[in-house]
């Protein structure tokens, strides 16, 4: 499932809030990578996954869902800024 596929679950009134929060968290993670602060980068990635799941997946968490969201986060972070 891609970000576009799950986008329909976000209410229109919260889309801007979501994009701003995601953008800020990605910038934070990239900054931690740049300064080689791996512990805070790891923590921020977990926070980004939780933020994504808060908006897209309001169901009980599962290990499979966590793997999916961490994969999406890695794809986002490895794409060009």
PDB file of N, CA and C in Angstrom:
ATOM      1  N   UNK A   1       0.854  -1.173   0.000  1.00  0.00           N
ATOM      2  CA  UNK A   1       0.000   0.000   0.000  1.00  0.00           C
ATOM      3  C   UNK A   1       0.897   1.233   0.000  1.00  0.00           C
ATOM      4  N   UNK A   2       0.628   2.151  -0.887  1.00  0.00           N
ATOM      5  CA  UNK A   2       1.442   3.360  -0.988  1.00  0.00           C
ATOM      6  C   UNK A   2       0.809   4.494  -0.202  1.00  0.00           C
ATOM      7  N   UNK A   3       1.563   5.571  -0.032  1.00  0.00           N
ATOM      8  CA  UNK A   3       1.025   6.745   0.659  1.00  0.00           C
ATOM      9  C   UNK A   3      -0.208   7.253  -0.080  1.00  0.00           C
ATOM     10  N   UNK A   4      -0.180   7.255  -1.419  1.00  0.00           N
ATOM     11  CA  UNK A   4      -1.333   7.712  -2.184  1.00  0.00           C
ATOM     12  C   UNK A   4      -2.555   6.838  -1.924  1.00  0.00           C
ATOM     13  N   UNK A   5      -2.340   5.557  -1.748  1.00  0.00           N
ATOM     14  CA  UNK A   5      -3.453   4.636  -1.530  1.00  0.00           C
ATOM     15  C   UNK A   5      -4.112   4.859  -0.182  1.00  0.00           C
ATOM     16  N   UNK A   6      -3.325   5.237   0.818  1.00  0.00           N
ATOM     17  CA  UNK A   6      -3.913   5.440   2.138  1.00  0.00           C
ATOM     18  C   UNK A   6      -4.359   6.879   2.361  1.00  0.00           C
ATOM     19  N   UNK A   7      -4.011   7.768   1.457  1.00  0.00           N
ATOM     20  CA  UNK A   7      -4.365   9.187   1.604  1.00  0.00           C
ATOM     21  C   UNK A   7      -5.863   9.391   1.767  1.00  0.00           C
ATOM     22  N   UNK A   8      -6.657   8.538   1.167  1.00  0.00           N
ATOM     23  CA  UNK A   8      -8.108   8.705   1.229  1.00  0.00           C
ATOM     24  C   UNK A   8      -8.641   8.595   2.653  1.00  0.00           C
ATOM     25  N   UNK A   9      -7.869   8.020   3.576  1.00  0.00           N
ATOM     26  CA  UNK A   9      -8.329   7.884   4.949  1.00  0.00           C
ATOM     27  C   UNK A   9      -8.206   9.181   5.747  1.00  0.00           C
ATOM     28  N   UNK A  10      -7.485  10.162   5.223  1.00  0.00           N
ATOM     29  CA  UNK A  10      -7.264  11.415   5.936  1.00  0.00           C
ATOM     30  C   UNK A  10      -8.393  12.375   5.607  1.00  0.00           C
ATOM     31  N   UNK A  11      -9.006  12.942   6.629  1.00  0.00           N
ATOM     32  CA  UNK A  11     -10.072  13.903   6.376  1.00  0.00           C
ATOM     33  C   UNK A  11      -9.477  15.154   5.744  1.00  0.00           C
ATOM     34  N   UNK A  12     -10.178  15.780   4.810  1.00  0.00           N
ATOM     35  CA  UNK A  12      -9.653  16.962   4.118  1.00  0.00           C
ATOM     36  C   UNK A  12      -9.248  18.088   5.064  1.00  0.00           C
ATOM     37  N   UNK A  13      -9.925  18.216   6.176  1.00  0.00           N
ATOM     38  CA  UNK A  13      -9.608  19.298   7.106  1.00  0.00           C
ATOM     39  C   UNK A  13      -8.265  19.086   7.808  1.00  0.00           C
ATOM     40  N   UNK A  14      -7.735  17.864   7.779  1.00  0.00           N
ATOM     41  CA  UNK A  14      -6.471  17.559   8.467  1.00  0.00           C
ATOM     42  C   UNK A  14      -5.308  17.326   7.508  1.00  0.00           C
ATOM     43  N   UNK A  15      -5.551  17.420   6.199  1.00  0.00           N
ATOM     44  CA  UNK A  15      -4.485  17.125   5.244  1.00  0.00           C
ATOM     45  C   UNK A  15      -3.312  18.095   5.373  1.00  0.00           C
ATOM     46  N   UNK A  16      -3.582  19.392   5.483  1.00  0.00           N
ATOM     47  CA  UNK A  16      -2.504  20.367   5.624  1.00  0.00           C
ATOM     48  C   UNK A  16      -1.732  20.143   6.920  1.00  0.00           C
ATOM     49  N   UNK A  17      -2.461  19.867   7.994  1.00  0.00           N
ATOM     50  CA  UNK A  17      -1.820  19.577   9.278  1.00  0.00           C
ATOM     51  C   UNK A  17      -0.904  18.372   9.148  1.00  0.00           C
ATOM     52  N   UNK A  18      -1.364  17.342   8.473  1.00  0.00           N
ATOM     53  CA  UNK A  18      -0.570  16.132   8.272  1.00  0.00           C
ATOM     54  C   UNK A  18       0.687  16.425   7.466  1.00  0.00           C
ATOM     55  N   UNK A  19       0.543  17.105   6.345  1.00  0.00           N
ATOM     56  CA  UNK A  19       1.693  17.396   5.494  1.00  0.00           C
ATOM     57  C   UNK A  19       2.725  18.243   6.226  1.00  0.00           C
ATOM     58  N   UNK A  20       2.285  19.224   6.988  1.00  0.00           N
ATOM     59  CA  UNK A  20       3.216  20.062   7.744  1.00  0.00           C
ATOM     60  C   UNK A  20       3.954  19.252   8.809  1.00  0.00           C
ATOM     61  N   UNK A  21       3.234  18.408   9.521  1.00  0.00           N
ATOM     62  CA  UNK A  21       3.848  17.596  10.568  1.00  0.00           C
ATOM     63  C   UNK A  21       4.849  16.604   9.972  1.00  0.00           C
ATOM     64  N   UNK A  22       4.487  15.980   8.857  1.00  0.00           N
ATOM     65  CA  UNK A  22       5.388  15.032   8.196  1.00  0.00           C
ATOM     66  C   UNK A  22       6.630  15.752   7.689  1.00  0.00           C
ATOM     67  N   UNK A  23       6.438  16.896   7.045  1.00  0.00           N
ATOM     68  CA  UNK A  23       7.556  17.666   6.517  1.00  0.00           C
ATOM     69  C   UNK A  23       8.529  18.059   7.628  1.00  0.00           C
ATOM     70  N   UNK A  24       7.997  18.531   8.735  1.00  0.00           N
ATOM     71  CA  UNK A  24       8.839  18.930   9.860  1.00  0.00           C
ATOM     72  C   UNK A  24       9.623  17.743  10.425  1.00  0.00           C
ATOM     73  N   UNK A  25       8.968  16.616  10.559  1.00  0.00           N
ATOM     74  CA  UNK A  25       9.618  15.433  11.116  1.00  0.00           C
ATOM     75  C   UNK A  25      10.706  14.915  10.162  1.00  0.00           C
ATOM     76  N   UNK A  26      10.456  14.941   8.856  1.00  0.00           N
ATOM     77  CA  UNK A  26      11.455  14.503   7.883  1.00  0.00           C
ATOM     78  C   UNK A  26      12.681  15.408   7.935  1.00  0.00           C
ATOM     79  N   UNK A  27      12.463  16.717   8.019  1.00  0.00           N
ATOM     80  CA  UNK A  27      13.588  17.650   8.135  1.00  0.00           C
ATOM     81  C   UNK A  27      14.394  17.364   9.394  1.00  0.00           C
ATOM     82  N   UNK A  28      13.700  17.087  10.474  1.00  0.00           N
ATOM     83  CA  UNK A  28      14.363  16.764  11.745  1.00  0.00           C
ATOM     84  C   UNK A  28      15.219  15.508  11.611  1.00  0.00           C
ATOM     85  N   UNK A  29      14.672  14.469  11.002  1.00  0.00           N
ATOM     86  CA  UNK A  29      15.399  13.212  10.833  1.00  0.00           C
ATOM     87  C   UNK A  29      16.625  13.426   9.946  1.00  0.00           C
ATOM     88  N   UNK A  30      16.456  14.156   8.865  1.00  0.00           N
ATOM     89  CA  UNK A  30      17.590  14.410   7.967  1.00  0.00           C
ATOM     90  C   UNK A  30      18.678  15.212   8.682  1.00  0.00           C
ATOM     91  N   UNK A  31      18.277  16.145   9.540  1.00  0.00           N
ATOM     92  CA  UNK A  31      19.255  16.914  10.307  1.00  0.00           C
ATOM     93  C   UNK A  31      20.045  15.981  11.223  1.00  0.00           C
ATOM     94  N   UNK A  32      19.353  15.092  11.918  1.00  0.00           N
ATOM     95  CA  UNK A  32      20.042  14.148  12.794  1.00  0.00           C
ATOM     96  C   UNK A  32      20.996  13.257  12.011  1.00  0.00           C
ATOM     97  N   UNK A  33      20.604  12.872  10.802  1.00  0.00           N
ATOM     98  CA  UNK A  33      21.501  12.069   9.966  1.00  0.00           C
ATOM     99  C   UNK A  33      22.725  12.887   9.568  1.00  0.00           C
ATOM    100  N   UNK A  34      22.490  14.140   9.229  1.00  0.00           N
ATOM    101  CA  UNK A  34      23.589  15.010   8.806  1.00  0.00           C
ATOM    102  C   UNK A  34      24.626  15.184   9.910  1.00  0.00           C
ATOM    103  N   UNK A  35      24.171  15.326  11.140  1.00  0.00           N
ATOM    104  CA  UNK A  35      25.114  15.514  12.253  1.00  0.00           C
ATOM    105  C   UNK A  35      25.502  14.181  12.901  1.00  0.00           C
ATOM    106  N   UNK A  36      25.031  13.100  12.305  1.00  0.00           N
ATOM    107  CA  UNK A  36      25.349  11.737  12.753  1.00  0.00           C
ATOM    108  C   UNK A  36      24.886  11.447  14.189  1.00  0.00           C
ATOM    109  N   UNK A  37      23.722  11.961  14.503  1.00  0.00           N
ATOM    110  CA  UNK A  37      23.099  11.694  15.809  1.00  0.00           C
ATOM    111  C   UNK A  37      22.098  10.558  15.600  1.00  0.00           C
ATOM    112  N   UNK A  38      22.620   9.341  15.589  1.00  0.00           N
ATOM    113  CA  UNK A  38      21.812   8.178  15.209  1.00  0.00           C
ATOM    114  C   UNK A  38      20.712   7.871  16.212  1.00  0.00           C
ATOM    115  N   UNK A  39      20.947   8.101  17.467  1.00  0.00           N
ATOM    116  CA  UNK A  39      19.924   7.802  18.481  1.00  0.00           C
ATOM    117  C   UNK A  39      18.700   8.695  18.302  1.00  0.00           C
ATOM    118  N   UNK A  40      18.905  10.009  18.148  1.00  0.00           N
ATOM    119  CA  UNK A  40      17.770  10.902  17.937  1.00  0.00           C
ATOM    120  C   UNK A  40      17.117  10.665  16.577  1.00  0.00           C
ATOM    121  N   UNK A  41      17.897  10.268  15.578  1.00  0.00           N
ATOM    122  CA  UNK A  41      17.317   9.925  14.275  1.00  0.00           C
ATOM    123  C   UNK A  41      16.381   8.730  14.423  1.00  0.00           C
ATOM    124  N   UNK A  42      16.819   7.734  15.186  1.00  0.00           N
ATOM    125  CA  UNK A  42      15.994   6.545  15.417  1.00  0.00           C
ATOM    126  C   UNK A  42      14.703   6.914  16.148  1.00  0.00           C
ATOM    127  N   UNK A  43      14.821   7.746  17.158  1.00  0.00           N
ATOM    128  CA  UNK A  43      13.649   8.176  17.924  1.00  0.00           C
ATOM    129  C   UNK A  43      12.695   8.960  17.027  1.00  0.00           C
ATOM    130  N   UNK A  44      13.233   9.850  16.215  1.00  0.00           N
ATOM    131  CA  UNK A  44      12.388  10.656  15.327  1.00  0.00           C
ATOM    132  C   UNK A  44      11.704   9.809  14.269  1.00  0.00           C
ATOM    133  N   UNK A  45      12.377   8.762  13.781  1.00  0.00           N
ATOM    134  CA  UNK A  45      11.740   7.861  12.818  1.00  0.00           C
ATOM    135  C   UNK A  45      10.549   7.160  13.466  1.00  0.00           C
ATOM    136  N   UNK A  46      10.721   6.728  14.697  1.00  0.00           N
ATOM    137  CA  UNK A  46       9.613   6.086  15.406  1.00  0.00           C
ATOM    138  C   UNK A  46       8.468   7.071  15.590  1.00  0.00           C
ATOM    139  N   UNK A  47       8.786   8.316  15.885  1.00  0.00           N
ATOM    140  CA  UNK A  47       7.744   9.342  16.036  1.00  0.00           C
ATOM    141  C   UNK A  47       7.031   9.595  14.712  1.00  0.00           C
ATOM    142  N   UNK A  48       7.784   9.575  13.606  1.00  0.00           N
ATOM    143  CA  UNK A  48       7.167   9.756  12.292  1.00  0.00           C
ATOM    144  C   UNK A  48       6.239   8.593  11.968  1.00  0.00           C
ATOM    145  N   UNK A  49       6.673   7.378  12.262  1.00  0.00           N
ATOM    146  CA  UNK A  49       5.811   6.214  12.055  1.00  0.00           C
ATOM    147  C   UNK A  49       4.531   6.361  12.875  1.00  0.00           C
ATOM    148  N   UNK A  50       4.662   6.760  14.134  1.00  0.00           N
ATOM    149  CA  UNK A  50       3.474   6.944  14.975  1.00  0.00           C
ATOM    150  C   UNK A  50       2.573   8.047  14.450  1.00  0.00           C
ATOM    151  N   UNK A  51       3.168   9.112  13.930  1.00  0.00           N
ATOM    152  CA  UNK A  51       2.376  10.200  13.350  1.00  0.00           C
ATOM    153  C   UNK A  51       1.604   9.712  12.130  1.00  0.00           C
ATOM    154  N   UNK A  52       2.271   8.990  11.254  1.00  0.00           N
ATOM    155  CA  UNK A  52       1.607   8.444  10.066  1.00  0.00           C
ATOM    156  C   UNK A  52       0.466   7.511  10.458  1.00  0.00           C
ATOM    157  N   UNK A  53       0.737   6.647  11.427  1.00  0.00           N
ATOM    158  CA  UNK A  53      -0.298   5.691  11.843  1.00  0.00           C
ATOM    159  C   UNK A  53      -1.464   6.394  12.525  1.00  0.00           C
ATOM    160  N   UNK A  54      -1.191   7.472  13.240  1.00  0.00           N
ATOM    161  CA  UNK A  54      -2.265   8.219  13.895  1.00  0.00           C
ATOM    162  C   UNK A  54      -3.287   8.704  12.878  1.00  0.00           C
ATOM    163  N   UNK A  55      -2.811   9.149  11.718  1.00  0.00           N
ATOM    164  CA  UNK A  55      -3.705   9.670  10.690  1.00  0.00           C
ATOM    165  C   UNK A  55      -4.258   8.590   9.775  1.00  0.00           C
ATOM    166  N   UNK A  56      -3.430   7.622   9.424  1.00  0.00           N
ATOM    167  CA  UNK A  56      -3.817   6.663   8.397  1.00  0.00           C
ATOM    168  C   UNK A  56      -4.379   5.362   8.921  1.00  0.00           C
ATOM    169  N   UNK A  57      -4.044   4.988  10.117  1.00  0.00           N
ATOM    170  CA  UNK A  57      -4.371   3.642  10.557  1.00  0.00           C
ATOM    171  C   UNK A  57      -4.860   3.639  12.012  1.00  0.00           C
ATOM    172  N   UNK A  58      -6.051   4.131  12.238  1.00  0.00           N
ATOM    173  CA  UNK A  58      -6.546   4.226  13.626  1.00  0.00           C
ATOM    174  C   UNK A  58      -7.073   2.897  14.164  1.00  0.00           C
ATOM    175  N   UNK A  59      -6.341   1.819  13.870  1.00  0.00           N
ATOM    176  CA  UNK A  59      -6.722   0.507  14.380  1.00  0.00           C
ATOM    177  C   UNK A  59      -5.621   0.010  15.302  1.00  0.00           C
ATOM    178  N   UNK A  60      -5.860  -1.098  15.943  1.00  0.00           N
ATOM    179  CA  UNK A  60      -4.872  -1.653  16.865  1.00  0.00           C
ATOM    180  C   UNK A  60      -3.556  -1.916  16.134  1.00  0.00           C
ATOM    181  N   UNK A  61      -2.437  -1.556  16.741  1.00  0.00           N
ATOM    182  CA  UNK A  61      -1.146  -1.760  16.072  1.00  0.00           C
ATOM    183  C   UNK A  61      -0.798  -3.238  15.938  1.00  0.00           C
ATOM    184  N   UNK A  62      -0.025  -3.531  14.918  1.00  0.00           N
ATOM    185  CA  UNK A  62       0.477  -4.893  14.722  1.00  0.00           C
ATOM    186  C   UNK A  62       1.907  -4.809  14.227  1.00  0.00           C
ATOM    187  N   UNK A  63       2.651  -5.875  14.390  1.00  0.00           N
ATOM    188  CA  UNK A  63       4.030  -5.889  13.911  1.00  0.00           C
ATOM    189  C   UNK A  63       4.110  -5.732  12.405  1.00  0.00           C
ATOM    190  N   UNK A  64       3.186  -6.333  11.675  1.00  0.00           N
ATOM    191  CA  UNK A  64       3.175  -6.209  10.221  1.00  0.00           C
ATOM    192  C   UNK A  64       2.929  -4.766   9.803  1.00  0.00           C
ATOM    193  N   UNK A  65       2.004  -4.096  10.465  1.00  0.00           N
ATOM    194  CA  UNK A  65       1.741  -2.692  10.162  1.00  0.00           C
ATOM    195  C   UNK A  65       2.966  -1.844  10.462  1.00  0.00           C
ATOM    196  N   UNK A  66       3.642  -2.131  11.565  1.00  0.00           N
ATOM    197  CA  UNK A  66       4.857  -1.383  11.893  1.00  0.00           C
ATOM    198  C   UNK A  66       5.919  -1.548  10.810  1.00  0.00           C
ATOM    199  N   UNK A  67       6.109  -2.757  10.324  1.00  0.00           N
ATOM    200  CA  UNK A  67       7.084  -3.007   9.262  1.00  0.00           C
ATOM    201  C   UNK A  67       6.710  -2.205   8.025  1.00  0.00           C
ATOM    202  N   UNK A  68       5.442  -2.200   7.676  1.00  0.00           N
ATOM    203  CA  UNK A  68       4.969  -1.451   6.502  1.00  0.00           C
ATOM    204  C   UNK A  68       5.271   0.030   6.656  1.00  0.00           C
ATOM    205  N   UNK A  69       4.949   0.592   7.812  1.00  0.00           N
ATOM    206  CA  UNK A  69       5.158   2.028   8.016  1.00  0.00           C
ATOM    207  C   UNK A  69       6.628   2.380   8.070  1.00  0.00           C
ATOM    208  N   UNK A  70       7.460   1.567   8.679  1.00  0.00           N
ATOM    209  CA  UNK A  70       8.899   1.842   8.686  1.00  0.00           C
ATOM    210  C   UNK A  70       9.452   1.799   7.267  1.00  0.00           C
ATOM    211  N   UNK A  71       8.949   0.901   6.444  1.00  0.00           N
ATOM    212  CA  UNK A  71       9.381   0.832   5.038  1.00  0.00           C
ATOM    213  C   UNK A  71       8.993   2.105   4.299  1.00  0.00           C
ATOM    214  N   UNK A  72       7.785   2.598   4.509  1.00  0.00           N
ATOM    215  CA  UNK A  72       7.348   3.851   3.880  1.00  0.00           C
ATOM    216  C   UNK A  72       8.229   4.997   4.338  1.00  0.00           C
ATOM    217  N   UNK A  73       8.542   5.061   5.615  1.00  0.00           N
ATOM    218  CA  UNK A  73       9.411   6.121   6.141  1.00  0.00           C
ATOM    219  C   UNK A  73      10.782   6.055   5.478  1.00  0.00           C
ATOM    220  N   UNK A  74      11.353   4.864   5.337  1.00  0.00           N
ATOM    221  CA  UNK A  74      12.667   4.734   4.696  1.00  0.00           C
ATOM    222  C   UNK A  74      12.612   5.197   3.241  1.00  0.00           C
ATOM    223  N   UNK A  75      11.531   4.898   2.540  1.00  0.00           N
ATOM    224  CA  UNK A  75      11.380   5.348   1.154  1.00  0.00           C
ATOM    225  C   UNK A  75      11.322   6.865   1.103  1.00  0.00           C
ATOM    226  N   UNK A  76      10.554   7.469   2.001  1.00  0.00           N
ATOM    227  CA  UNK A  76      10.450   8.925   2.047  1.00  0.00           C
ATOM    228  C   UNK A  76      11.810   9.548   2.325  1.00  0.00           C
ATOM    229  N   UNK A  77      12.532   9.006   3.282  1.00  0.00           N
ATOM    230  CA  UNK A  77      13.805   9.594   3.694  1.00  0.00           C
ATOM    231  C   UNK A  77      14.904   9.413   2.652  1.00  0.00           C
ATOM    232  N   UNK A  78      14.819   8.384   1.836  1.00  0.00           N
ATOM    233  CA  UNK A  78      15.857   8.183   0.828  1.00  0.00           C
ATOM    234  C   UNK A  78      15.554   8.879  -0.493  1.00  0.00           C
ATOM    235  N   UNK A  79      14.379   9.463  -0.607  1.00  0.00           N
ATOM    236  CA  UNK A  79      14.064  10.226  -1.804  1.00  0.00           C
ATOM    237  C   UNK A  79      14.711  11.607  -1.709  1.00  0.00           C
ATOM    238  N   UNK A  80      14.877  12.253  -2.828  1.00  0.00           N
ATOM    239  CA  UNK A  80      15.506  13.569  -2.842  1.00  0.00           C
ATOM    240  C   UNK A  80      14.627  14.589  -2.123  1.00  0.00           C
ATOM    241  N   UNK A  81      15.263  15.496  -1.369  1.00  0.00           N
ATOM    242  CA  UNK A  81      14.473  16.517  -0.654  1.00  0.00           C
ATOM    243  C   UNK A  81      13.852  17.521  -1.588  1.00  0.00           C
TER     244      UNK A  81
END
